[in-house]
């Protein structure tokens, strides 16, 4: 892997975020970690992420937070109210969100890993 520094947005206790950080560290990628609950400027970031990847990809529909939402909140989260629902429930954001400087990658799957190797 090459290219410039990355910013990884996630949660300190998230296993997937830890896996991503470890893999990026092993590949000598300079990566800054930002906790989405404590440090991230969600007011600025969430709209940019939604524009870049869309609510369907950014909302973690496998999370406990998702299961605890009402049906109205779920449809809002995937529609025009996504920004408000995600800002009110940061743990609903699929993790990690990786900002490469030129694109936003969501999740830690083979697609994300391949994109970071390019």
Foldseek 3Di string as FASTA:
>chain_A
DDAAAKEKEEAPPDPQSVVVVVVCVVVVHHYHYAYQVPGDPLVPPVVVVCVQPNLVQFFDCVDPVNVPDDPVLNVCCRDPNVSVSCVVPVVRTADIWMDRVVGTDGTDDPVVVVVVVD
